[in-house]
Amino acid sequence: MIVKVQGGGKVYANTGSCSDVVSYLQHEDAERLQAGLTPEPFFNQEQNRISPKEVTNRIDNNRKGLKAKEAKFYVITVAPSREELRKMGATKEEQAAAMKEYIRTEVMPKYAEGFNKGLKADDLEFYGKIHFERHEKDGEDLHAHIIVSHKTKNNGKSISPMTNHTGKKNTGAAQGGFNRKEWYSSCEKAFDKRFKNERDIKESFEYKNAMKNGTPAEIKKQASRAVQYQARREAEKEITNKVVKKIVKGIGGRGL
């Protein structure tokens, strides 16, 4: 599972209007029309069909008080692995519907909570777009991009996911900042619980991040978790094999 925040650069330039990003996120629409398929519209917390024009207007008019060079919005990418997508549904249509609900009930609520300002997903000005294909070397899989305003609805509070977490809950306007690692991990755990996905410890964000960036103590903790997980899986496998052998033996004994 990839859950990340982006902003800046050529593709996601975010100090001006979001019109170019909105246009870029529609690149799949023409391909779907040519294939006789219906383009997937933008959505937000309440609605499933929002026009690109409304997305642009809503984001561009929700920037009061932000300086010229400040980010006006950010782009969140949510990209499950192929194995995770199978947990979300048997068809792309089922996966798209599940993705929307996952974003509405897990990703964006946890994003809002991460600022420690008493915010909820309903306070956010955000618009998502489902993409059914990913034209990259790792395959073509369903994923989503979300444009979220730097400010809450109605030009409310400034909230930047790029404000680093300090470990303190109240440090002036930033109120401790935003802990991106904690958010990534919480989204992953919420996915596993929601879709009944048993994730290998070594495939978890906590494990990978610790192995790459952690302290010796954090690396040791995650390595220990991985060993315990593997031991449990081996024990479960052994029990299952014994049960299967017993059933097979019983069937053979009855001459079936």
Protein backbone atom coordinates (compact mmCIF):
# COMPACT_ATOMS: atom_id res chain seq x y z
CA MET A 1 0.00 0.00 0.00
CA ILE A 2 1.31 3.40 -0.98
CA VAL A 3 -0.21 6.45 0.71
CA LYS A 4 1.76 9.63 0.17
CA VAL A 5 1.46 13.41 -0.10
CA GLN A 6 2.84 15.24 -3.11
CA GLY A 7 3.11 18.86 -4.15
CA GLY A 8 5.39 20.96 -6.29
CA GLY A 9 7.42 20.09 -9.36
CA LYS A 10 6.03 20.12 -12.89
CA VAL A 11 3.17 17.66 -12.49
CA TYR A 12 1.84 18.79 -9.11
CA ALA A 13 2.83 22.47 -9.08
CA ASN A 14 0.75 23.85 -6.23
CA THR A 15 1.54 27.50 -5.57
CA GLY A 16 -1.01 28.75 -8.14
CA SER A 17 -4.26 27.52 -9.64
CA CYS A 18 -5.02 23.81 -9.50
CA SER A 19 -6.39 23.88 -13.07
CA ASP A 20 -3.34 22.15 -14.56
CA VAL A 21 -3.46 19.36 -11.98
CA VAL A 22 -7.21 18.92 -12.49
CA SER A 23 -6.59 18.70 -16.24
CA TYR A 24 -3.76 16.20 -15.75
CA LEU A 25 -5.92 13.96 -13.57
CA GLN A 26 -8.42 13.68 -16.45
CA HIS A 27 -5.86 12.05 -18.78
CA GLU A 28 -7.55 8.67 -18.48
CA ASP A 29 -11.03 9.97 -19.39
CA ALA A 30 -10.36 10.19 -23.14
CA GLU A 31 -8.89 6.67 -23.17
CA ARG A 32 -11.97 5.28 -21.43
CA LEU A 33 -14.33 7.04 -23.84
CA GLN A 34 -12.43 5.63 -26.82
CA ALA A 35 -12.75 2.18 -25.27
CA GLY A 36 -16.50 2.63 -24.83
CA LEU A 37 -16.20 3.01 -21.07
CA THR A 38 -17.61 5.72 -18.81
CA PRO A 39 -15.04 8.16 -17.38
CA GLU A 40 -14.82 8.20 -13.61
CA PRO A 41 -15.83 11.66 -12.26
CA PHE A 42 -14.27 13.50 -9.33
CA PHE A 43 -15.76 12.81 -5.89
CA ASN A 44 -15.54 14.24 -2.38
CA GLN A 45 -16.78 13.31 1.09
CA GLU A 46 -20.45 13.65 0.13
CA GLN A 47 -20.76 13.47 -3.65
CA ASN A 48 -19.79 11.00 -6.38
CA ARG A 49 -20.15 13.21 -9.45
CA ILE A 50 -18.33 16.55 -9.39
CA SER A 51 -17.29 18.44 -12.51
CA PRO A 52 -13.65 19.46 -13.12
CA LYS A 53 -14.80 23.09 -13.27
CA GLU A 54 -16.29 22.89 -9.77
CA VAL A 55 -13.15 21.22 -8.41
CA THR A 56 -10.99 24.02 -9.79
CA ASN A 57 -13.29 26.76 -8.52
CA ARG A 58 -13.61 25.27 -5.05
CA ILE A 59 -9.87 24.78 -4.53
CA ASP A 60 -8.81 28.06 -6.16
CA ASN A 61 -11.29 30.09 -4.10
CA ASN A 62 -10.23 28.53 -0.82
CA ARG A 63 -6.84 30.18 -0.42
CA LYS A 64 -7.50 33.43 1.47
CA GLY A 65 -4.51 34.60 3.49
CA LEU A 66 -1.97 32.29 1.85
CA LYS A 67 1.17 33.95 0.53
CA ALA A 68 2.04 33.93 -3.18
CA LYS A 69 4.73 31.25 -2.87
CA GLU A 70 2.83 29.11 -0.37
CA ALA A 71 1.23 25.83 -1.43
CA LYS A 72 -2.47 26.26 -2.16
CA PHE A 73 -3.21 22.55 -2.20
CA TYR A 74 -1.59 19.13 -1.98
CA VAL A 75 -2.10 15.88 -3.87
CA ILE A 76 -2.52 12.62 -1.97
CA THR A 77 -1.93 9.34 -3.81
CA VAL A 78 -3.48 6.09 -2.59
CA ALA A 79 -2.19 3.04 -4.47
CA PRO A 80 -2.89 -0.50 -3.21
CA SER A 81 -0.84 -3.44 -4.43
CA ARG A 82 -2.44 -6.00 -6.73
CA GLU A 83 -2.90 -8.36 -3.81
CA GLU A 84 -4.59 -5.62 -1.80
CA LEU A 85 -6.85 -4.74 -4.73
CA ARG A 86 -8.09 -8.32 -4.82
CA LYS A 87 -9.24 -7.84 -1.23
CA MET A 88 -11.22 -4.78 -2.32
CA GLY A 89 -13.33 -6.51 -4.95
CA ALA A 90 -13.46 -8.97 -7.83
CA THR A 91 -13.99 -6.30 -10.51
CA LYS A 92 -12.53 -2.86 -11.11
CA GLU A 93 -15.97 -1.37 -10.49
CA GLU A 94 -16.13 -3.03 -7.07
CA GLN A 95 -12.58 -1.92 -6.32
CA ALA A 96 -13.38 1.68 -7.32
CA ALA A 97 -16.41 1.76 -5.02
CA ALA A 98 -14.38 0.26 -2.17
CA MET A 99 -11.58 2.76 -2.77
CA LYS A 100 -13.97 5.70 -2.44
CA GLU A 101 -15.33 4.41 0.85
CA TYR A 102 -11.84 3.67 2.15
CA ILE A 103 -10.79 7.23 1.36
CA ARG A 104 -13.92 8.69 2.94
CA THR A 105 -13.94 6.58 6.07
CA GLU A 106 -10.24 6.00 6.72
CA VAL A 107 -7.70 8.01 4.71
CA MET A 108 -9.21 11.50 4.94
CA PRO A 109 -10.57 11.23 8.52
CA LYS A 110 -7.11 10.15 9.68
CA TYR A 111 -5.56 12.95 7.63
CA ALA A 112 -7.81 15.49 9.37
CA GLU A 113 -7.14 14.05 12.83
CA GLY A 114 -3.40 14.13 12.19
CA PHE A 115 -3.28 17.91 12.55
CA ASN A 116 -4.44 17.79 16.19
CA LYS A 117 -6.87 20.65 15.61
CA GLY A 118 -10.11 18.82 16.25
CA LEU A 119 -10.80 18.43 12.53
CA LYS A 120 -12.90 15.84 10.73
CA ALA A 121 -13.05 14.76 7.09
CA ASP A 122 -16.14 16.95 6.66
CA ASP A 123 -13.95 19.99 7.40
CA LEU A 124 -11.64 19.27 4.47
CA GLU A 125 -11.95 20.70 0.98
CA PHE A 126 -10.88 17.71 -1.07
CA TYR A 127 -11.66 16.04 -4.39
CA GLY A 128 -10.63 12.55 -5.41
CA LYS A 129 -10.19 10.91 -8.82
CA ILE A 130 -10.02 7.17 -9.42
CA HIS A 131 -7.58 5.97 -12.08
CA PHE A 132 -8.08 2.44 -13.35
CA GLU A 133 -4.68 2.11 -15.00
CA ARG A 134 -1.11 2.87 -13.99
CA HIS A 135 1.10 3.04 -17.08
CA GLU A 136 4.34 2.21 -15.34
CA LYS A 137 6.77 -0.68 -15.09
CA ASP A 138 4.94 -2.16 -12.07
CA GLY A 139 1.75 -2.80 -14.01
CA GLU A 140 -1.67 -1.30 -14.58
CA ASP A 141 -3.64 -1.13 -11.35
CA LEU A 142 -6.43 0.94 -9.89
CA HIS A 143 -5.37 3.82 -7.64
CA ALA A 144 -6.58 7.28 -6.60
CA HIS A 145 -5.35 10.86 -6.46
CA ILE A 146 -6.85 13.42 -4.09
CA ILE A 147 -6.52 17.20 -4.37
CA VAL A 148 -6.86 18.66 -0.88
CA SER A 149 -6.82 22.35 -0.07
CA HIS A 150 -4.15 23.89 2.17
CA LYS A 151 -7.06 25.43 4.09
CA THR A 152 -10.15 23.85 5.58
CA LYS A 153 -13.55 24.65 4.08
CA ASN A 154 -14.70 28.25 3.73
CA ASN A 155 -11.14 29.58 3.97
CA GLY A 156 -10.82 28.23 7.49
CA LYS A 157 -7.65 26.92 9.14
CA SER A 158 -4.33 26.46 7.35
CA ILE A 159 -3.27 22.83 7.49
CA SER A 160 -0.09 21.62 5.83
CA PRO A 161 0.92 17.93 5.83
CA MET A 162 4.45 19.15 5.14
CA THR A 163 4.71 20.72 8.59
CA ASN A 164 6.96 18.28 10.42
CA HIS A 165 5.76 16.64 13.59
CA THR A 166 7.69 17.83 16.65
CA GLY A 167 6.43 15.36 19.20
CA LYS A 168 4.55 18.12 20.97
CA LYS A 169 0.79 18.57 20.84
CA ASN A 170 0.73 22.33 21.20
CA THR A 171 3.44 24.46 19.65
CA GLY A 172 1.69 27.55 18.45
CA ALA A 173 -0.24 27.62 15.18
CA ALA A 174 1.17 24.31 13.94
CA GLN A 175 0.08 22.51 17.12
CA GLY A 176 2.71 19.82 16.84
CA GLY A 177 2.68 19.59 13.05
CA PHE A 178 1.64 16.57 11.00
CA ASN A 179 3.19 13.15 11.53
CA ARG A 180 3.22 11.69 8.03
CA LYS A 181 4.73 8.36 9.11
CA GLU A 182 2.02 7.85 11.70
CA TRP A 183 -0.62 8.69 9.10
CA TYR A 184 0.80 6.25 6.54
CA SER A 185 0.92 3.50 9.13
CA SER A 186 -2.60 4.17 10.43
CA CYS A 187 -4.03 4.09 6.89
CA GLU A 188 -2.33 0.75 6.27
CA LYS A 189 -3.65 -0.74 9.52
CA ALA A 190 -7.14 0.58 8.78
CA PHE A 191 -7.00 -1.06 5.36
CA ASP A 192 -6.02 -4.42 6.85
CA LYS A 193 -8.85 -4.28 9.39
CA ARG A 194 -11.46 -3.08 6.91
CA PHE A 195 -10.66 -5.62 4.20
CA LYS A 196 -9.58 -8.47 6.48
CA ASN A 197 -6.08 -8.43 5.03
CA GLU A 198 -3.36 -10.33 6.90
CA ARG A 199 -0.19 -8.42 6.11
CA ASP A 200 3.23 -10.01 6.43
CA ILE A 201 5.19 -7.99 9.00
CA LYS A 202 8.00 -7.51 6.49
CA GLU A 203 5.51 -5.89 4.09
CA SER A 204 4.27 -3.37 6.65
CA PHE A 205 5.19 0.31 6.60
CA GLU A 206 6.48 0.12 10.18
CA TYR A 207 8.91 -2.69 9.35
CA LYS A 208 10.18 -1.20 6.09
CA ASN A 209 10.58 2.27 7.57
CA ALA A 210 12.42 0.94 10.62
CA MET A 211 14.81 -1.12 8.49
CA LYS A 212 15.56 1.90 6.31
CA ASN A 213 15.48 4.82 8.76
CA GLY A 214 15.11 3.43 12.26
CA THR A 215 17.36 3.49 15.30
CA PRO A 216 19.07 0.24 16.38
CA ALA A 217 16.33 -0.23 19.00
CA GLU A 218 13.56 0.24 16.40
CA ILE A 219 15.25 -2.15 13.99
CA LYS A 220 15.60 -4.77 16.74
CA LYS A 221 11.93 -4.38 17.69
CA GLN A 222 10.70 -4.87 14.14
CA ALA A 223 13.05 -7.80 13.52
CA SER A 224 11.69 -9.47 16.65
CA ARG A 225 8.11 -8.90 15.45
CA ALA A 226 8.98 -10.48 12.11
CA VAL A 227 10.47 -13.57 13.78
CA GLN A 228 7.43 -13.97 16.04
CA TYR A 229 5.07 -13.55 13.08
CA GLN A 230 6.91 -16.18 11.04
CA ALA A 231 6.92 -18.61 13.98
CA ARG A 232 3.17 -18.15 14.41
CA ARG A 233 2.53 -18.73 10.71
CA GLU A 234 4.63 -21.90 10.75
CA ALA A 235 2.74 -23.18 13.79
CA GLU A 236 -0.61 -22.47 12.14
CA LYS A 237 0.54 -24.20 8.97
CA GLU A 238 1.61 -27.29 10.93
CA ILE A 239 -1.73 -27.48 12.72
CA THR A 240 -3.60 -27.15 9.40
CA ASN A 241 -1.54 -29.92 7.83
CA LYS A 242 -2.26 -32.24 10.77
CA VAL A 243 -5.99 -31.56 10.52
CA VAL A 244 -5.99 -32.21 6.77
CA LYS A 245 -4.07 -35.48 7.20
CA LYS A 246 -6.51 -36.59 9.89
CA ILE A 247 -9.50 -35.86 7.63
CA VAL A 248 -7.91 -37.65 4.69
CA LYS A 249 -7.09 -40.65 6.87
CA GLY A 250 -10.65 -40.75 8.14
CA ILE A 251 -12.07 -40.70 4.63
CA GLY A 252 -9.69 -43.49 3.58
CA GLY A 253 -10.72 -45.57 6.58
CA ARG A 254 -14.37 -45.40 5.50
CA GLY A 255 -13.41 -46.69 2.06
CA LEU A 256 -14.77 -43.66 0.19
